[in-house]
Each structure stands twice: as C-alpha cells, then as structure tokens.
Amino acid sequence: THETVRRWHIVDRRYEDVGYHFLIDALGHLHLGRPLWRVGSHDGGENSRSIGICILGDFRLHKDREPMADQWRTARVLCADLLDQLDLPTSALRGHREDEPATTPTECPGFDPGTLRAIVEIERERRRTVAPGLYPYVSHQ
C-alpha cells in the first residue's frame, strides 16, 4: 500500500518523506507523495530533474505481469497531464533505470516503460483532437 511505501521510506530508510511525488495503488487510486516543489528521492542522479511516480506492485514476478487496468488508466491520465502542463514530449517519460548508468540499484519498474509511453501518447493525441484549444501541445516528439 502507499502507507507501507511511505513508512518504508521514512522509518526504514530515514528519508524526510516518501521519495515519490505520486503513488498509484492497485485500485488505480492516486496518492500524493512528496510535494512537487521538493526534490524527490526516487532515482539517484535524476531526482533534481524528474517527477517520481510509483505504480504499486511487483511486476518482476512474472514477465507477463503488468499493472492493473485501473493503474494504467490513472498513470496514463497523470502522465499526460504532467507532460502537457510542463510542455514536454512523451519521450521525456522515462522508466527507472532506462538512462544508464543508473546510480540506484533496482529492477523497477518491472514492466516495459514503452507501453506506458504508448498509451500516454494515445491519450495526448485524443485530447488534442477533442479539444485542440485546451491541449495545444505540438512540440517535437
């Protein structure tokens, strides 16, 4: 649960707060973590220039295991919102350890971040088609 992750970060790892800015539980509920104005503690070497999003679950157990449909939905909307607000291309969305060499030893995210980028791009295209004035993002992909 998000409470378990927060407790692990604060009590066990002695962080000031949970390292992620957002956490998405198994039911797709979005939980606020560290405020966006504070540097996260989720990806060593990248913390000062990234927003940490944790999709709760262990997706390493079975290679065909991925986040639940509700988690994908929440992640898709959250990531599209953040990228649109920050005027960033979908390619700016990165999975933990995609940019080697990573300084944090982890197997996260345990699923293919390309899948998330693909559904986020579909969401962003849908928004631009439905309401181009509200979603004017047209920067290079």
Foldseek 3Di string as FASTA:
>chain_A
DVVVQQCCCCPVVVDPTRQAQWEAELQLDIDGTDPPVDFGDDFPPCRVPDHGYHYDDALQPDLPDDRDPSNLVNLLVVLLVVCQVVLHQLVVDDWHCPDPPTPDDDPPPNHDVVVSSVSNVVVLVVCCVVPVPVRVRDDDD
